[in-house]
C-alpha atoms as a PDB file:
ATOM      1  CA  MET A   1     -37.745  -7.470   8.863  1.00  0.00           C
ATOM      2  CA  THR A   2     -37.567  -4.423  11.411  1.00  0.00           C
ATOM      3  CA  LEU A   3     -34.899  -6.523  13.611  1.00  0.00           C
ATOM      4  CA  LYS A   4     -32.701  -7.259  10.353  1.00  0.00           C
ATOM      5  CA  LEU A   5     -32.721  -3.616   9.294  1.00  0.00           C
ATOM      6  CA  ILE A   6     -31.720  -2.635  13.049  1.00  0.00           C
ATOM      7  CA  THR A   7     -28.973  -5.044  12.582  1.00  0.00           C
ATOM      8  CA  ILE A   8     -27.893  -3.314   9.071  1.00  0.00           C
ATOM      9  CA  LEU A   9     -28.118   0.065  10.677  1.00  0.00           C
ATOM     10  CA  LEU A  10     -26.386  -0.516  13.702  1.00  0.00           C
ATOM     11  CA  ALA A  11     -23.541  -2.104  11.654  1.00  0.00           C
ATOM     12  CA  PHE A  12     -23.329   0.965   9.088  1.00  0.00           C
ATOM     13  CA  SER A  13     -23.755   3.056  12.470  1.00  0.00           C
ATOM     14  CA  GLY A  14     -20.227   1.480  13.639  1.00  0.00           C
ATOM     15  CA  PHE A  15     -18.562   1.298  10.113  1.00  0.00           C
ATOM     16  CA  SER A  16     -19.181   5.192   9.565  1.00  0.00           C
ATOM     17  CA  GLN A  17     -17.573   5.669  13.153  1.00  0.00           C
ATOM     18  CA  ALA A  18     -14.697   3.341  12.604  1.00  0.00           C
ATOM     19  CA  ALA A  19     -14.064   3.604   8.920  1.00  0.00           C
ATOM     20  CA  LYS A  20     -11.627   0.907   6.809  1.00  0.00           C
ATOM     21  CA  PRO A  21      -8.052   2.469   6.452  1.00  0.00           C
ATOM     22  CA  LEU A  22      -7.512   3.628   3.213  1.00  0.00           C
ATOM     23  CA  LYS A  23      -5.276   1.432   1.025  1.00  0.00           C
ATOM     24  CA  ILE A  24      -2.297   2.766  -0.716  1.00  0.00           C
ATOM     25  CA  ASP A  25       0.216   0.457  -2.822  1.00  0.00           C
ATOM     26  CA  VAL A  26       3.141   2.080  -3.522  1.00  0.00           C
ATOM     27  CA  TYR A  27       5.266   0.434  -6.603  1.00  0.00           C
ATOM     28  CA  LEU A  28       8.778   1.519  -6.683  1.00  0.00           C
ATOM     29  CA  GLU A  29      12.273   0.581  -7.638  1.00  0.00           C
ATOM     30  CA  SER A  30      15.312   0.777  -4.866  1.00  0.00           C
ATOM     31  CA  LEU A  31      17.627   3.056  -6.886  1.00  0.00           C
ATOM     32  CA  CYS A  32      14.884   4.767  -8.972  1.00  0.00           C
ATOM     33  CA  PRO A  33      15.341   8.839  -8.209  1.00  0.00           C
ATOM     34  CA  ALA A  34      11.770   8.993  -8.647  1.00  0.00           C
ATOM     35  CA  SER A  35      11.149   6.182  -6.198  1.00  0.00           C
ATOM     36  CA  LYS A  36      13.382   8.016  -3.639  1.00  0.00           C
ATOM     37  CA  ALA A  37      11.863  11.365  -4.275  1.00  0.00           C
ATOM     38  CA  PHE A  38       8.367   9.974  -3.711  1.00  0.00           C
ATOM     39  CA  MET A  39       9.735   8.201  -0.205  1.00  0.00           C
ATOM     40  CA  GLN A  40      11.576  11.371   1.079  1.00  0.00           C
ATOM     41  CA  GLU A  41       9.699  14.256   0.004  1.00  0.00           C
ATOM     42  CA  GLN A  42       6.320  13.300  -0.012  1.00  0.00           C
ATOM     43  CA  LEU A  43       5.731  10.367   2.301  1.00  0.00           C
ATOM     44  CA  LYS A  44       8.627  10.751   4.830  1.00  0.00           C
ATOM     45  CA  PRO A  45       7.325  14.193   6.011  1.00  0.00           C
ATOM     46  CA  ASN A  46       3.667  13.341   5.795  1.00  0.00           C
ATOM     47  CA  TYR A  47       3.489   9.971   7.307  1.00  0.00           C
ATOM     48  CA  ASP A  48       2.897  10.614  10.959  1.00  0.00           C
ATOM     49  CA  GLU A  49      -0.033  12.723  10.135  1.00  0.00           C
ATOM     50  CA  ILE A  50      -1.977   9.691   8.016  1.00  0.00           C
ATOM     51  CA  LYS A  51      -0.584   6.495   9.478  1.00  0.00           C
ATOM     52  CA  ASN A  52      -3.663   5.861  11.752  1.00  0.00           C
ATOM     53  CA  ASP A  53      -5.670   6.149   8.479  1.00  0.00           C
ATOM     54  CA  VAL A  54      -4.031   4.504   5.865  1.00  0.00           C
ATOM     55  CA  LEU A  55      -3.016   0.866   5.141  1.00  0.00           C
ATOM     56  CA  LEU A  56       0.576   0.966   2.900  1.00  0.00           C
ATOM     57  CA  LYS A  57       1.927  -1.831   0.938  1.00  0.00           C
ATOM     58  CA  PHE A  58       5.388  -1.252  -0.456  1.00  0.00           C
ATOM     59  CA  ILE A  59       6.000  -3.292  -3.800  1.00  0.00           C
ATOM     60  CA  PRO A  60       9.898  -2.916  -4.547  1.00  0.00           C
ATOM     61  CA  PHE A  61      10.132  -4.070  -8.356  1.00  0.00           C
ATOM     62  CA  GLY A  62       9.324  -1.520 -10.847  1.00  0.00           C
ATOM     63  CA  LYS A  63      10.276  -2.212 -14.570  1.00  0.00           C
ATOM     64  CA  SER A  64      12.787  -5.524 -13.385  1.00  0.00           C
ATOM     65  CA  GLN A  65      12.380  -8.317 -15.551  1.00  0.00           C
ATOM     66  CA  SER A  66      12.824 -12.007 -14.704  1.00  0.00           C
ATOM     67  CA  THR A  67      14.322 -14.775 -16.672  1.00  0.00           C
ATOM     68  CA  THR A  68      14.286 -18.602 -15.570  1.00  0.00           C
ATOM     69  CA  ASN A  69      15.920 -21.188 -17.545  1.00  0.00           C
ATOM     70  CA  SER A  70      17.899 -24.619 -16.697  1.00  0.00           C
ATOM     71  CA  SER A  71      20.529 -22.556 -14.652  1.00  0.00           C
ATOM     72  CA  GLY A  72      17.696 -20.903 -12.249  1.00  0.00           C
ATOM     73  CA  THR A  73      16.157 -17.731 -12.061  1.00  0.00           C
ATOM     74  CA  PHE A  74      17.534 -14.395 -12.595  1.00  0.00           C
ATOM     75  CA  PHE A  75      16.492 -10.640 -12.708  1.00  0.00           C
ATOM     76  CA  ASP A  76      17.738  -7.477 -14.998  1.00  0.00           C
ATOM     77  CA  CYS A  77      16.523  -4.042 -13.427  1.00  0.00           C
ATOM     78  CA  GLN A  78      16.429  -1.100 -14.751  1.00  0.00           C
ATOM     79  CA  HIS A  79      19.402   0.748 -12.500  1.00  0.00           C
ATOM     80  CA  GLY A  80      21.771  -2.251 -12.569  1.00  0.00           C
ATOM     81  CA  ARG A  81      22.643  -5.525 -10.662  1.00  0.00           C
ATOM     82  CA  TYR A  82      22.858  -3.499  -7.316  1.00  0.00           C
ATOM     83  CA  GLU A  83      19.039  -2.277  -7.819  1.00  0.00           C
ATOM     84  CA  CYS A  84      18.147  -6.254  -8.153  1.00  0.00           C
ATOM     85  CA  GLU A  85      19.838  -6.989  -5.152  1.00  0.00           C
ATOM     86  CA  THR A  86      18.478  -4.198  -3.124  1.00  0.00           C
ATOM     87  CA  ASN A  87      14.881  -4.733  -4.393  1.00  0.00           C
ATOM     88  CA  MET A  88      15.197  -8.485  -3.132  1.00  0.00           C
ATOM     89  CA  PHE A  89      16.645  -7.070   0.176  1.00  0.00           C
ATOM     90  CA  GLN A  90      13.718  -4.988   0.695  1.00  0.00           C
ATOM     91  CA  ALA A  91      10.834  -7.539  -0.177  1.00  0.00           C
ATOM     92  CA  CYS A  92      13.088 -10.242   1.867  1.00  0.00           C
ATOM     93  CA  SER A  93      12.909  -7.535   5.021  1.00  0.00           C
ATOM     94  CA  LEU A  94       9.491  -6.570   4.483  1.00  0.00           C
ATOM     95  CA  ASN A  95       8.534 -10.014   4.957  1.00  0.00           C
ATOM     96  CA  LEU A  96      10.268 -10.546   7.940  1.00  0.00           C
ATOM     97  CA  ILE A  97       9.010  -7.444   9.440  1.00  0.00           C
ATOM     98  CA  GLY A  98       5.471  -8.886   8.824  1.00  0.00           C
ATOM     99  CA  ASP A  99       2.121  -6.763   9.396  1.00  0.00           C
ATOM    100  CA  ASP A 100       3.793  -3.802  11.595  1.00  0.00           C
ATOM    101  CA  GLN A 101       3.187  -0.809   9.289  1.00  0.00           C
ATOM    102  CA  GLU A 102       5.483   1.570  11.271  1.00  0.00           C
ATOM    103  CA  ARG A 103       8.703  -0.604  11.353  1.00  0.00           C
ATOM    104  CA  GLN A 104       7.900  -1.191   7.336  1.00  0.00           C
ATOM    105  CA  THR A 105       7.273   2.243   6.585  1.00  0.00           C
ATOM    106  CA  GLN A 106      10.444   3.406   8.467  1.00  0.00           C
ATOM    107  CA  PHE A 107      12.732   0.681   7.079  1.00  0.00           C
ATOM    108  CA  MET A 108      11.530   1.659   3.302  1.00  0.00           C
ATOM    109  CA  ILE A 109      11.985   5.435   4.082  1.00  0.00           C
ATOM    110  CA  CYS A 110      15.579   4.475   5.457  1.00  0.00           C
ATOM    111  CA  THR A 111      16.544   2.316   2.677  1.00  0.00           C
ATOM    112  CA  MET A 112      15.270   4.768   0.066  1.00  0.00           C
ATOM    113  CA  GLU A 113      17.604   7.792   1.221  1.00  0.00           C
ATOM    114  CA  THR A 114      19.780   9.387  -1.347  1.00  0.00           C
ATOM    115  CA  GLN A 115      22.962   6.882  -0.250  1.00  0.00           C
ATOM    116  CA  PRO A 116      20.921   3.910   0.765  1.00  0.00           C
ATOM    117  CA  GLU A 117      22.940   1.682   3.684  1.00  0.00           C
ATOM    118  CA  ARG A 118      20.954  -1.653   3.451  1.00  0.00           C
ATOM    119  CA  PHE A 119      21.744  -3.555   6.574  1.00  0.00           C
ATOM    120  CA  PRO A 120      21.618  -0.797   9.094  1.00  0.00           C
ATOM    121  CA  CYS A 121      18.355  -0.162   7.636  1.00  0.00           C
ATOM    122  CA  ALA A 122      17.341  -4.162   8.690  1.00  0.00           C
ATOM    123  CA  GLU A 123      19.267  -3.687  12.016  1.00  0.00           C
ATOM    124  CA  LYS A 124      17.156  -0.448  12.695  1.00  0.00           C
ATOM    125  CA  ALA A 125      13.721  -2.493  12.008  1.00  0.00           C
ATOM    126  CA  GLY A 126      14.751  -5.114  14.581  1.00  0.00           C
ATOM    127  CA  LEU A 127      16.143  -7.652  11.779  1.00  0.00           C
ATOM    128  CA  LYS A 128      18.834 -10.091  12.005  1.00  0.00           C
ATOM    129  CA  ILE A 129      21.222  -9.694   9.231  1.00  0.00           C
ATOM    130  CA  ASP A 130      21.577 -13.529   8.985  1.00  0.00           C
ATOM    131  CA  ASP A 131      17.984 -14.029   8.630  1.00  0.00           C
ATOM    132  CA  VAL A 132      17.794 -11.512   5.928  1.00  0.00           C
ATOM    133  CA  LYS A 133      20.543 -12.681   3.900  1.00  0.00           C
ATOM    134  CA  LYS A 134      19.229 -16.420   4.408  1.00  0.00           C
ATOM    135  CA  CYS A 135      16.169 -15.087   2.184  1.00  0.00           C
ATOM    136  CA  THR A 136      18.001 -12.942  -0.212  1.00  0.00           C
ATOM    137  CA  GLU A 137      20.489 -15.802  -0.889  1.00  0.00           C
ATOM    138  CA  GLY A 138      17.924 -18.525  -1.193  1.00  0.00           C
ATOM    139  CA  GLU A 139      14.577 -19.890  -2.847  1.00  0.00           C
ATOM    140  CA  GLU A 140      12.399 -17.300  -0.587  1.00  0.00           C
ATOM    141  CA  GLY A 141      13.943 -14.133  -1.825  1.00  0.00           C
ATOM    142  CA  ILE A 142      13.212 -15.238  -5.650  1.00  0.00           C
ATOM    143  CA  LYS A 143       9.756 -16.358  -4.847  1.00  0.00           C
ATOM    144  CA  LEU A 144       9.330 -13.117  -3.303  1.00  0.00           C
ATOM    145  CA  GLN A 145      10.363 -11.191  -5.987  1.00  0.00           C
ATOM    146  CA  LEU A 146       8.600 -13.048  -8.695  1.00  0.00           C
ATOM    147  CA  GLU A 147       5.067 -12.716  -6.436  1.00  0.00           C
ATOM    148  CA  ASN A 148       6.275  -8.823  -6.771  1.00  0.00           C
ATOM    149  CA  GLU A 149       6.609  -9.130 -10.405  1.00  0.00           C
ATOM    150  CA  LYS A 150       3.150 -10.681 -10.946  1.00  0.00           C
ATOM    151  CA  LEU A 151       1.620  -7.721  -8.660  1.00  0.00           C
ATOM    152  CA  THR A 152       4.005  -4.932 -10.529  1.00  0.00           C
ATOM    153  CA  LYS A 153       3.390  -5.608 -14.268  1.00  0.00           C
ATOM    154  CA  PRO A 154      -0.521  -4.716 -14.474  1.00  0.00           C
ATOM    155  CA  ILE A 155       0.198  -1.529 -12.723  1.00  0.00           C
ATOM    156  CA  ILE A 156       3.402  -0.426 -14.731  1.00  0.00           C
ATOM    157  CA  ASN A 157       1.556  -1.732 -17.916  1.00  0.00           C
ATOM    158  CA  GLN A 158      -0.836   1.272 -17.134  1.00  0.00           C
ATOM    159  CA  SER A 159       0.995   3.924 -15.747  1.00  0.00           C
ATOM    160  CA  GLY A 160       4.697   3.393 -17.567  1.00  0.00           C
ATOM    161  CA  HIS A 161       6.718   4.560 -14.863  1.00  0.00           C
ATOM    162  CA  VAL A 162       8.006   4.071 -11.205  1.00  0.00           C
ATOM    163  CA  PRO A 163       6.734   4.786  -8.850  1.00  0.00           C
ATOM    164  CA  SER A 164       3.187   4.006  -9.494  1.00  0.00           C
ATOM    165  CA  ILE A 165       0.713   4.970  -6.588  1.00  0.00           C
ATOM    166  CA  VAL A 166      -2.454   3.053  -6.014  1.00  0.00           C
ATOM    167  CA  PHE A 167      -5.343   3.582  -4.043  1.00  0.00           C
ATOM    168  CA  ASN A 168      -8.036   0.960  -2.896  1.00  0.00           C
ATOM    169  CA  GLY A 169      -6.365  -1.371  -5.543  1.00  0.00           C
ATOM    170  CA  ILE A 170      -7.336   0.539  -8.248  1.00  0.00           C
ATOM    171  CA  TRP A 171      -4.796   2.853 -10.664  1.00  0.00           C
ATOM    172  CA  THR A 172      -5.812   5.956 -12.153  1.00  0.00           C
ATOM    173  CA  GLU A 173      -3.602   8.386 -13.744  1.00  0.00           C
ATOM    174  CA  GLU A 174      -5.514  11.285 -12.363  1.00  0.00           C
ATOM    175  CA  ASP A 175      -4.545   9.903  -8.512  1.00  0.00           C
ATOM    176  CA  ASP A 176      -1.119   8.994  -9.368  1.00  0.00           C
ATOM    177  CA  ASP A 177      -0.149  12.428 -10.373  1.00  0.00           C
ATOM    178  CA  ALA A 178      -1.788  13.739  -7.519  1.00  0.00           C
ATOM    179  CA  ALA A 179      -0.092  11.691  -5.300  1.00  0.00           C
ATOM    180  CA  GLN A 180       3.562  12.436  -6.293  1.00  0.00           C
ATOM    181  CA  GLU A 181       2.610  16.376  -6.634  1.00  0.00           C
ATOM    182  CA  ASN A 182       1.105  16.399  -3.166  1.00  0.00           C
ATOM    183  CA  PHE A 183       0.577  13.255  -1.509  1.00  0.00           C
ATOM    184  CA  LEU A 184      -0.972  14.521   1.855  1.00  0.00           C
ATOM    185  CA  LYS A 185      -3.962  16.186   0.362  1.00  0.00           C
ATOM    186  CA  ILE A 186      -5.151  13.611  -2.184  1.00  0.00           C
ATOM    187  CA  VAL A 187      -4.923  11.280   1.041  1.00  0.00           C
ATOM    188  CA  GLN A 188      -7.038  13.614   3.132  1.00  0.00           C
ATOM    189  CA  ASP A 189      -9.576  14.165  -0.040  1.00  0.00           C
ATOM    190  CA  LYS A 190      -9.597  10.079  -0.469  1.00  0.00           C
ATOM    191  CA  LEU A 191     -10.515   9.681   3.421  1.00  0.00           C
ATOM    192  CA  LYS A 192     -12.979  12.702   3.061  1.00  0.00           C
ATOM    193  CA  GLU A 193     -14.843  11.378   0.054  1.00  0.00           C
ATOM    194  CA  ASP A 194     -15.141   7.630   2.043  1.00  0.00           C
ATOM    195  CA  PHE A 195     -16.149   9.372   5.071  1.00  0.00           C
ATOM    196  CA  VAL A 196     -18.963  11.278   2.897  1.00  0.00           C
ATOM    197  CA  ILE A 197     -20.045   8.187   0.973  1.00  0.00           C
ATOM    198  CA  LYS A 198     -20.803   6.281   4.072  1.00  0.00           C
ATOM    199  CA  GLU A 199     -22.514   8.802   6.186  1.00  0.00           C
ATOM    200  CA  TRP A 200     -24.621   9.059   2.907  1.00  0.00           C
ATOM    201  CA  LEU A 201     -25.336   5.507   3.158  1.00  0.00           C
ATOM    202  CA  LEU A 202     -26.491   5.862   6.800  1.00  0.00           C
ATOM    203  CA  TYR A 203     -28.576   8.567   6.066  1.00  0.00           C
ATOM    204  CA  ARG A 204     -30.637   6.724   3.541  1.00  0.00           C
ATOM    205  CA  ILE A 205     -30.923   3.567   6.312  1.00  0.00           C
ATOM    206  CA  TYR A 206     -32.474   6.168   8.656  1.00  0.00           C
ATOM    207  CA  LYS A 207     -34.662   7.467   6.076  1.00  0.00           C
ATOM    208  CA  PHE A 208     -35.871   3.764   4.750  1.00  0.00           C
ATOM    209  CA  MET A 209     -36.274   2.807   8.495  1.00  0.00           C
ATOM    210  CA  GLY A 210     -38.376   6.240   8.860  1.00  0.00           C
ATOM    211  CA  ILE A 211     -40.893   5.259   6.010  1.00  0.00           C
ATOM    212  CA  ILE A 212     -41.228   1.239   7.434  1.00  0.00           C
ATOM    213  CA  LYS A 213     -42.503   2.762  10.824  1.00  0.00           C
ATOM    214  CA  MET A 214     -44.575   4.949   8.857  1.00  0.00           C
ATOM    215  CA  PHE A 215     -46.206   2.148   6.791  1.00  0.00           C
ATOM    216  CA  LYS A 216     -46.777   0.112   9.870  1.00  0.00           C
ATOM    217  CA  PHE A 217     -48.349   2.899  11.807  1.00  0.00           C
ATOM    218  CA  LEU A 218     -50.768   3.687   8.883  1.00  0.00           C
ATOM    219  CA  TYR A 219     -51.834  -0.068   8.069  1.00  0.00           C
ATOM    220  CA  PHE A 220     -51.369  -2.012  11.255  1.00  0.00           C
END
């Protein structure tokens, strides 16, 4: 029993010192003014300060709709055909970049500039344009967008707007509004909250082990 408790204590102690990053999912549209504003005014100026403590995921789809018939799968986007093309371009590029958060974030900030230039942003991220085009012009791009649609719909059905910001997989109106008003503050608050919970759990384990030691001293 004691050995198991020590193992648990050590696990929690290490967990407390090396907390898991805060997961942040950003649901957006490539040509949406509000999405651009969030990327340029909230994420861009604060990214360097939070990047070591967060795990960002970008889902470019928004209020788009897919239609599949005998001719294939097509997308209808809130801001027109160019947005559909750019959403897919972003999805393909993010997939090609892989799990490199720094490159993904800088790529998305680049493509969400007021006047987006798609291919220079991909080249800046170290991608080969032929690889991106192969994805956007083939089945892979459609597959990625259908996956994004599946992820996006439950969130947009709750929020009703784009962008929508989700923390640790749970959307709330309060968190979403706070993220778009003062992104840095809510991230710092979330990280602090997470740290306090872990420290409380660690304290409870220490206290429980103290009770076990007292019990053994009195009765054994």
